[in-house]
Amino acid sequence: MRERLFAYAKKKYHAEPEYLWSRYPEYAILRHSDNRKWFGLVMNVSQRKLGLDGESVVDILNVKLNDPLLVDLLIQESGFFRGYHISRGNWISILLDGSVPFEEVCRWLDESFQTTSSRKGIRQKNQKKLES
């Protein structure tokens, strides 16, 4: 699913995975080309680090969501966890083992792209003007 996700990000956002850490050669970030913010982080971690039974290594995707309440709801679902290795409350980790359908993984990657977009502030200001 990792390669499928990278192909999706390349096609939709023109974002190529970047491998930044020699210590973690499998870890890849996806970032905006304009503001350089990350909107996705793909890692391979032990199941035990996610609180699961077993020592198998699994791929996960970390994404940032705009709503902490949504984060709280999602982590109740199978395949979703609080953001591994990112202590901020708006990040979640999604298992990339098929337990979360690919289309849903893409939905949350899209949400993360929008949440971390530099255009977000402009959109919010325009929305407030319309509501006035």
N, C-alpha and C. Protein backbone atom coordinates (compact mmCIF):
# COMPACT_ATOMS: atom_id res chain seq x y z
N MET A 1 0.83 -1.19 0.00
CA MET A 1 0.00 0.00 0.00
C MET A 1 0.88 1.26 0.00
N ARG A 2 2.07 1.15 0.53
CA ARG A 2 3.00 2.28 0.58
C ARG A 2 3.22 2.85 -0.82
N GLU A 3 3.53 2.00 -1.77
CA GLU A 3 3.82 2.46 -3.14
C GLU A 3 2.58 3.03 -3.81
N ARG A 4 1.43 2.43 -3.55
CA ARG A 4 0.17 2.97 -4.07
C ARG A 4 -0.10 4.36 -3.54
N LEU A 5 0.19 4.55 -2.26
CA LEU A 5 -0.01 5.85 -1.63
C LEU A 5 0.93 6.89 -2.24
N PHE A 6 2.18 6.52 -2.47
CA PHE A 6 3.13 7.44 -3.08
C PHE A 6 2.69 7.81 -4.50
N ALA A 7 2.18 6.84 -5.24
CA ALA A 7 1.69 7.11 -6.60
C ALA A 7 0.50 8.08 -6.55
N TYR A 8 -0.39 7.88 -5.58
CA TYR A 8 -1.54 8.77 -5.41
C TYR A 8 -1.08 10.20 -5.12
N ALA A 9 -0.13 10.35 -4.18
CA ALA A 9 0.37 11.68 -3.80
C ALA A 9 1.08 12.36 -4.96
N LYS A 10 1.77 11.58 -5.75
CA LYS A 10 2.48 12.15 -6.90
C LYS A 10 1.47 12.65 -7.94
N LYS A 11 0.46 11.84 -8.21
CA LYS A 11 -0.52 12.21 -9.22
C LYS A 11 -1.37 13.41 -8.78
N LYS A 12 -1.84 13.38 -7.54
CA LYS A 12 -2.76 14.42 -7.08
C LYS A 12 -2.05 15.69 -6.62
N TYR A 13 -0.90 15.56 -5.98
CA TYR A 13 -0.24 16.71 -5.37
C TYR A 13 1.17 16.98 -5.90
N HIS A 14 1.61 16.18 -6.85
CA HIS A 14 2.96 16.30 -7.40
C HIS A 14 4.01 16.22 -6.30
N ALA A 15 3.72 15.41 -5.30
CA ALA A 15 4.61 15.24 -4.14
C ALA A 15 5.32 13.90 -4.23
N GLU A 16 6.62 13.95 -4.24
CA GLU A 16 7.45 12.75 -4.24
C GLU A 16 7.88 12.45 -2.81
N PRO A 17 7.98 11.18 -2.43
CA PRO A 17 8.48 10.87 -1.09
C PRO A 17 9.92 11.32 -0.94
N GLU A 18 10.22 11.87 0.22
CA GLU A 18 11.58 12.30 0.55
C GLU A 18 12.06 11.45 1.72
N TYR A 19 13.25 10.92 1.57
CA TYR A 19 13.86 10.08 2.61
C TYR A 19 14.95 10.90 3.29
N LEU A 20 14.66 11.39 4.48
CA LEU A 20 15.52 12.37 5.14
C LEU A 20 16.54 11.79 6.11
N TRP A 21 16.29 10.60 6.61
CA TRP A 21 17.10 10.09 7.71
C TRP A 21 17.84 8.82 7.32
N SER A 22 19.17 8.87 7.39
CA SER A 22 19.97 7.68 7.07
C SER A 22 19.73 6.59 8.12
N ARG A 23 19.43 6.98 9.34
CA ARG A 23 19.16 6.00 10.40
C ARG A 23 17.84 5.25 10.16
N TYR A 24 16.92 5.90 9.45
CA TYR A 24 15.61 5.31 9.16
C TYR A 24 15.36 5.38 7.65
N PRO A 25 16.01 4.54 6.89
CA PRO A 25 15.94 4.64 5.43
C PRO A 25 14.56 4.36 4.83
N GLU A 26 13.66 3.75 5.59
CA GLU A 26 12.31 3.45 5.10
C GLU A 26 11.33 4.57 5.39
N TYR A 27 11.69 5.52 6.24
CA TYR A 27 10.80 6.63 6.60
C TYR A 27 10.80 7.64 5.45
N ALA A 28 9.60 8.03 5.03
CA ALA A 28 9.47 8.99 3.93
C ALA A 28 8.45 10.05 4.30
N ILE A 29 8.75 11.28 3.93
CA ILE A 29 7.79 12.37 4.15
C ILE A 29 7.19 12.79 2.81
N LEU A 30 6.00 13.32 2.89
CA LEU A 30 5.35 13.97 1.76
C LEU A 30 5.13 15.41 2.20
N ARG A 31 5.55 16.35 1.37
CA ARG A 31 5.41 17.75 1.78
C ARG A 31 4.93 18.62 0.64
N HIS A 32 4.37 19.75 1.03
CA HIS A 32 3.93 20.76 0.08
C HIS A 32 5.14 21.35 -0.64
N SER A 33 4.97 21.67 -1.90
CA SER A 33 6.07 22.29 -2.64
C SER A 33 6.20 23.78 -2.31
N ASP A 34 5.10 24.43 -1.90
CA ASP A 34 5.16 25.87 -1.65
C ASP A 34 5.64 26.21 -0.23
N ASN A 35 5.04 25.64 0.78
CA ASN A 35 5.40 26.01 2.14
C ASN A 35 6.31 24.99 2.83
N ARG A 36 6.58 23.88 2.14
CA ARG A 36 7.48 22.83 2.62
C ARG A 36 6.97 22.10 3.86
N LYS A 37 5.73 22.34 4.25
CA LYS A 37 5.17 21.63 5.40
C LYS A 37 4.87 20.18 5.03
N TRP A 38 5.05 19.32 6.00
CA TRP A 38 4.72 17.91 5.80
C TRP A 38 3.21 17.72 5.85
N PHE A 39 2.70 16.88 4.97
CA PHE A 39 1.30 16.48 5.10
C PHE A 39 1.18 14.97 5.25
N GLY A 40 2.29 14.27 5.18
CA GLY A 40 2.29 12.84 5.41
C GLY A 40 3.67 12.35 5.79
N LEU A 41 3.70 11.36 6.66
CA LEU A 41 4.94 10.71 7.06
C LEU A 41 4.67 9.21 7.07
N VAL A 42 5.38 8.48 6.23
CA VAL A 42 5.25 7.03 6.17
C VAL A 42 6.43 6.42 6.92
N MET A 43 6.13 5.53 7.85
CA MET A 43 7.16 4.88 8.66
C MET A 43 6.87 3.39 8.74
N ASN A 44 7.89 2.63 9.06
CA ASN A 44 7.70 1.23 9.40
C ASN A 44 8.12 1.06 10.85
N VAL A 45 7.19 0.55 11.66
CA VAL A 45 7.41 0.43 13.10
C VAL A 45 6.94 -0.94 13.59
N SER A 46 7.44 -1.32 14.73
CA SER A 46 7.01 -2.55 15.38
C SER A 46 5.56 -2.41 15.84
N GLN A 47 4.80 -3.48 15.72
CA GLN A 47 3.42 -3.46 16.19
C GLN A 47 3.35 -3.05 17.66
N ARG A 48 4.32 -3.51 18.43
CA ARG A 48 4.33 -3.23 19.87
C ARG A 48 4.39 -1.72 20.15
N LYS A 49 5.05 -0.96 19.29
CA LYS A 49 5.14 0.49 19.48
C LYS A 49 3.78 1.17 19.32
N LEU A 50 2.86 0.48 18.67
CA LEU A 50 1.50 1.01 18.51
C LEU A 50 0.55 0.47 19.57
N GLY A 51 1.08 -0.36 20.45
CA GLY A 51 0.25 -0.97 21.48
C GLY A 51 -0.41 -2.26 21.02
N LEU A 52 0.04 -2.81 19.90
CA LEU A 52 -0.51 -4.06 19.38
C LEU A 52 0.35 -5.23 19.83
N ASP A 53 -0.24 -6.41 19.86
CA ASP A 53 0.52 -7.61 20.18
C ASP A 53 1.36 -8.01 18.98
N GLY A 54 2.57 -8.42 19.26
CA GLY A 54 3.44 -8.90 18.19
C GLY A 54 4.64 -8.01 17.96
N GLU A 55 5.62 -8.56 17.28
CA GLU A 55 6.85 -7.84 16.98
C GLU A 55 6.99 -7.56 15.49
N SER A 56 6.01 -7.93 14.70
CA SER A 56 6.08 -7.68 13.26
C SER A 56 6.20 -6.18 12.99
N VAL A 57 6.86 -5.86 11.91
CA VAL A 57 7.00 -4.47 11.50
C VAL A 57 5.89 -4.16 10.51
N VAL A 58 5.22 -3.03 10.73
CA VAL A 58 4.11 -2.61 9.87
C VAL A 58 4.36 -1.19 9.38
N ASP A 59 3.82 -0.89 8.21
CA ASP A 59 3.87 0.48 7.69
C ASP A 59 2.71 1.27 8.26
N ILE A 60 2.98 2.53 8.58
CA ILE A 60 1.93 3.45 9.03
C ILE A 60 2.10 4.77 8.29
N LEU A 61 1.01 5.50 8.23
CA LEU A 61 1.00 6.85 7.67
C LEU A 61 0.55 7.79 8.77
N ASN A 62 1.35 8.82 9.03
CA ASN A 62 0.95 9.89 9.96
C ASN A 62 0.40 11.04 9.14
N VAL A 63 -0.77 11.53 9.55
CA VAL A 63 -1.39 12.68 8.90
C VAL A 63 -1.90 13.64 9.96
N LYS A 64 -2.02 14.90 9.58
CA LYS A 64 -2.50 15.93 10.49
C LYS A 64 -3.95 16.27 10.13
N LEU A 65 -4.80 16.28 11.15
CA LEU A 65 -6.20 16.62 10.96
C LEU A 65 -6.48 17.95 11.66
N ASN A 66 -7.50 18.62 11.22
CA ASN A 66 -7.82 19.96 11.72
C ASN A 66 -8.61 19.93 13.02
N ASP A 67 -9.29 18.84 13.31
CA ASP A 67 -10.24 18.79 14.41
C ASP A 67 -9.82 17.75 15.46
N PRO A 68 -9.44 18.17 16.67
CA PRO A 68 -9.06 17.21 17.71
C PRO A 68 -10.18 16.24 18.09
N LEU A 69 -11.42 16.68 17.95
CA LEU A 69 -12.54 15.78 18.25
C LEU A 69 -12.62 14.65 17.22
N LEU A 70 -12.32 14.97 15.97
CA LEU A 70 -12.28 13.96 14.93
C LEU A 70 -11.17 12.95 15.22
N VAL A 71 -10.03 13.45 15.67
CA VAL A 71 -8.93 12.57 16.05
C VAL A 71 -9.40 11.60 17.13
N ASP A 72 -10.08 12.13 18.16
CA ASP A 72 -10.57 11.29 19.25
C ASP A 72 -11.54 10.22 18.75
N LEU A 73 -12.36 10.56 17.77
CA LEU A 73 -13.29 9.57 17.21
C LEU A 73 -12.56 8.51 16.38
N LEU A 74 -11.65 8.96 15.54
CA LEU A 74 -10.96 8.03 14.66
C LEU A 74 -10.12 7.01 15.40
N ILE A 75 -9.46 7.42 16.48
CA ILE A 75 -8.60 6.47 17.18
C ILE A 75 -9.38 5.36 17.89
N GLN A 76 -10.70 5.50 17.90
CA GLN A 76 -11.56 4.43 18.42
C GLN A 76 -11.74 3.32 17.38
N GLU A 77 -11.44 3.64 16.12
CA GLU A 77 -11.64 2.71 15.02
C GLU A 77 -10.40 1.83 14.82
N SER A 78 -10.62 0.65 14.30
CA SER A 78 -9.53 -0.27 14.01
C SER A 78 -8.60 0.33 12.94
N GLY A 79 -7.31 0.25 13.19
CA GLY A 79 -6.33 0.73 12.21
C GLY A 79 -5.90 2.17 12.41
N PHE A 80 -6.47 2.86 13.40
CA PHE A 80 -6.13 4.26 13.69
C PHE A 80 -5.54 4.37 15.10
N PHE A 81 -4.53 5.23 15.22
CA PHE A 81 -3.84 5.42 16.50
C PHE A 81 -3.49 6.89 16.67
N ARG A 82 -3.22 7.28 17.90
CA ARG A 82 -2.65 8.61 18.11
C ARG A 82 -1.35 8.68 17.34
N GLY A 83 -0.99 9.85 16.89
CA GLY A 83 0.20 9.99 16.06
C GLY A 83 1.45 9.42 16.71
N TYR A 84 1.96 8.34 16.12
CA TYR A 84 3.19 7.74 16.64
C TYR A 84 4.35 8.67 16.36
N HIS A 85 5.10 8.95 17.39
CA HIS A 85 6.32 9.74 17.31
C HIS A 85 6.06 11.22 17.03
N ILE A 86 4.81 11.61 17.02
CA ILE A 86 4.47 13.04 16.90
C ILE A 86 3.53 13.33 18.06
N SER A 87 3.97 14.12 19.00
CA SER A 87 3.22 14.28 20.25
C SER A 87 2.08 15.29 20.15
N ARG A 88 1.97 15.97 19.06
CA ARG A 88 0.89 16.95 18.92
C ARG A 88 -0.46 16.24 18.73
N GLY A 89 -1.49 16.80 19.31
CA GLY A 89 -2.79 16.13 19.36
C GLY A 89 -3.54 16.00 18.05
N ASN A 90 -3.15 16.72 17.01
CA ASN A 90 -3.91 16.66 15.76
C ASN A 90 -3.36 15.64 14.77
N TRP A 91 -2.33 14.89 15.13
CA TRP A 91 -1.75 13.89 14.24
C TRP A 91 -2.26 12.51 14.61
N ILE A 92 -2.56 11.72 13.59
CA ILE A 92 -2.95 10.33 13.79
C ILE A 92 -2.04 9.44 12.94
N SER A 93 -1.96 8.18 13.35
CA SER A 93 -1.26 7.17 12.58
C SER A 93 -2.29 6.20 12.04
N ILE A 94 -2.12 5.84 10.77
CA ILE A 94 -3.05 4.91 10.11
C ILE A 94 -2.25 3.70 9.66
N LEU A 95 -2.69 2.51 10.04
CA LEU A 95 -2.04 1.29 9.57
C LEU A 95 -2.20 1.15 8.06
N LEU A 96 -1.13 0.78 7.40
CA LEU A 96 -1.18 0.57 5.95
C LEU A 96 -1.11 -0.92 5.63
N ASP A 97 -1.79 -1.72 6.43
CA ASP A 97 -1.79 -3.17 6.24
C ASP A 97 -3.07 -3.69 5.60
N GLY A 98 -3.95 -2.77 5.16
CA GLY A 98 -5.22 -3.18 4.58
C GLY A 98 -6.38 -3.11 5.56
N SER A 99 -6.10 -2.92 6.84
CA SER A 99 -7.19 -2.84 7.81
C SER A 99 -8.03 -1.57 7.61
N VAL A 100 -7.41 -0.54 7.04
CA VAL A 100 -8.13 0.67 6.63
C VAL A 100 -8.09 0.68 5.11
N PRO A 101 -9.26 0.72 4.45
CA PRO A 101 -9.28 0.69 2.98
C PRO A 101 -8.46 1.84 2.37
N PHE A 102 -7.85 1.56 1.24
CA PHE A 102 -6.98 2.53 0.58
C PHE A 102 -7.70 3.85 0.33
N GLU A 103 -8.95 3.81 -0.09
CA GLU A 103 -9.70 5.03 -0.37
C GLU A 103 -9.85 5.89 0.88
N GLU A 104 -10.01 5.24 2.02
CA GLU A 104 -10.13 5.99 3.27
C GLU A 104 -8.78 6.58 3.69
N VAL A 105 -7.71 5.84 3.47
CA VAL A 105 -6.37 6.36 3.75
C VAL A 105 -6.15 7.62 2.91
N CYS A 106 -6.54 7.56 1.64
CA CYS A 106 -6.39 8.72 0.75
C CYS A 106 -7.23 9.90 1.24
N ARG A 107 -8.40 9.62 1.74
CA ARG A 107 -9.27 10.68 2.26
C ARG A 107 -8.56 11.45 3.37
N TRP A 108 -7.89 10.72 4.28
CA TRP A 108 -7.22 11.39 5.39
C TRP A 108 -5.92 12.05 4.95
N LEU A 109 -5.28 11.51 3.93
CA LEU A 109 -4.12 12.20 3.36
C LEU A 109 -4.57 13.52 2.72
N ASP A 110 -5.70 13.50 2.02
CA ASP A 110 -6.25 14.72 1.43
C ASP A 110 -6.58 15.75 2.52
N GLU A 111 -7.17 15.27 3.61
CA GLU A 111 -7.51 16.17 4.72
C GLU A 111 -6.24 16.79 5.29
N SER A 112 -5.20 16.00 5.43
CA SER A 112 -3.94 16.50 5.95
C SER A 112 -3.32 17.52 5.00
N PHE A 113 -3.43 17.26 3.71
CA PHE A 113 -2.92 18.22 2.73
C PHE A 113 -3.61 19.56 2.90
N GLN A 114 -4.94 19.54 3.04
CA GLN A 114 -5.70 20.78 3.21
C GLN A 114 -5.37 21.46 4.54
N THR A 115 -5.23 20.66 5.59
CA THR A 115 -4.94 21.20 6.92
C THR A 115 -3.60 21.91 6.96
N THR A 116 -2.63 21.40 6.24
CA THR A 116 -1.28 21.97 6.27
C THR A 116 -1.01 22.93 5.12
N SER A 117 -2.01 23.20 4.33
CA SER A 117 -1.87 24.09 3.17
C SER A 117 -1.64 25.53 3.59
N SER A 118 -0.80 26.23 2.86
CA SER A 118 -0.57 27.66 3.14
C SER A 118 -1.79 28.49 2.79
N ARG A 119 -2.67 27.95 1.98
CA ARG A 119 -3.88 28.67 1.58
C ARG A 119 -4.97 28.58 2.65
N LYS A 120 -4.77 27.78 3.66
CA LYS A 120 -5.77 27.57 4.70
C LYS A 120 -6.20 28.88 5.35
N GLY A 121 -5.24 29.73 5.74
CA GLY A 121 -5.56 31.00 6.39
C GLY A 121 -6.37 31.90 5.49
N ILE A 122 -6.05 31.93 4.22
CA ILE A 122 -6.79 32.74 3.25
C ILE A 122 -8.23 32.24 3.15
N ARG A 123 -8.41 30.91 3.08
CA ARG A 123 -9.75 30.34 2.99
C ARG A 123 -10.56 30.68 4.23
N GLN A 124 -9.94 30.61 5.42
CA GLN A 124 -10.66 30.89 6.66
C GLN A 124 -11.07 32.37 6.71
N LYS A 125 -10.19 33.27 6.29
CA LYS A 125 -10.53 34.70 6.28
C LYS A 125 -11.68 34.97 5.33
N ASN A 126 -11.64 34.36 4.15
CA ASN A 126 -12.72 34.55 3.18
C ASN A 126 -14.05 34.01 3.71
N GLN A 127 -13.98 32.85 4.40
CA GLN A 127 -15.20 32.28 4.96
C GLN A 127 -15.80 33.22 6.01
N LYS A 128 -14.97 33.82 6.86
CA LYS A 128 -15.46 34.75 7.88
C LYS A 128 -16.10 35.97 7.25
N LYS A 129 -15.52 36.47 6.13
CA LYS A 129 -16.10 37.62 5.43
C LYS A 129 -17.48 37.28 4.90
N LEU A 130 -17.64 36.05 4.37
CA LEU A 130 -18.93 35.64 3.83
C LEU A 130 -19.97 35.53 4.93
N GLU A 131 -19.54 35.09 6.13
CA GLU A 131 -20.48 34.94 7.23
C GLU A 131 -20.90 36.27 7.83
N SER A 132 -20.13 37.32 7.62
CA SER A 132 -20.43 38.64 8.22
C SER A 132 -21.60 39.32 7.55
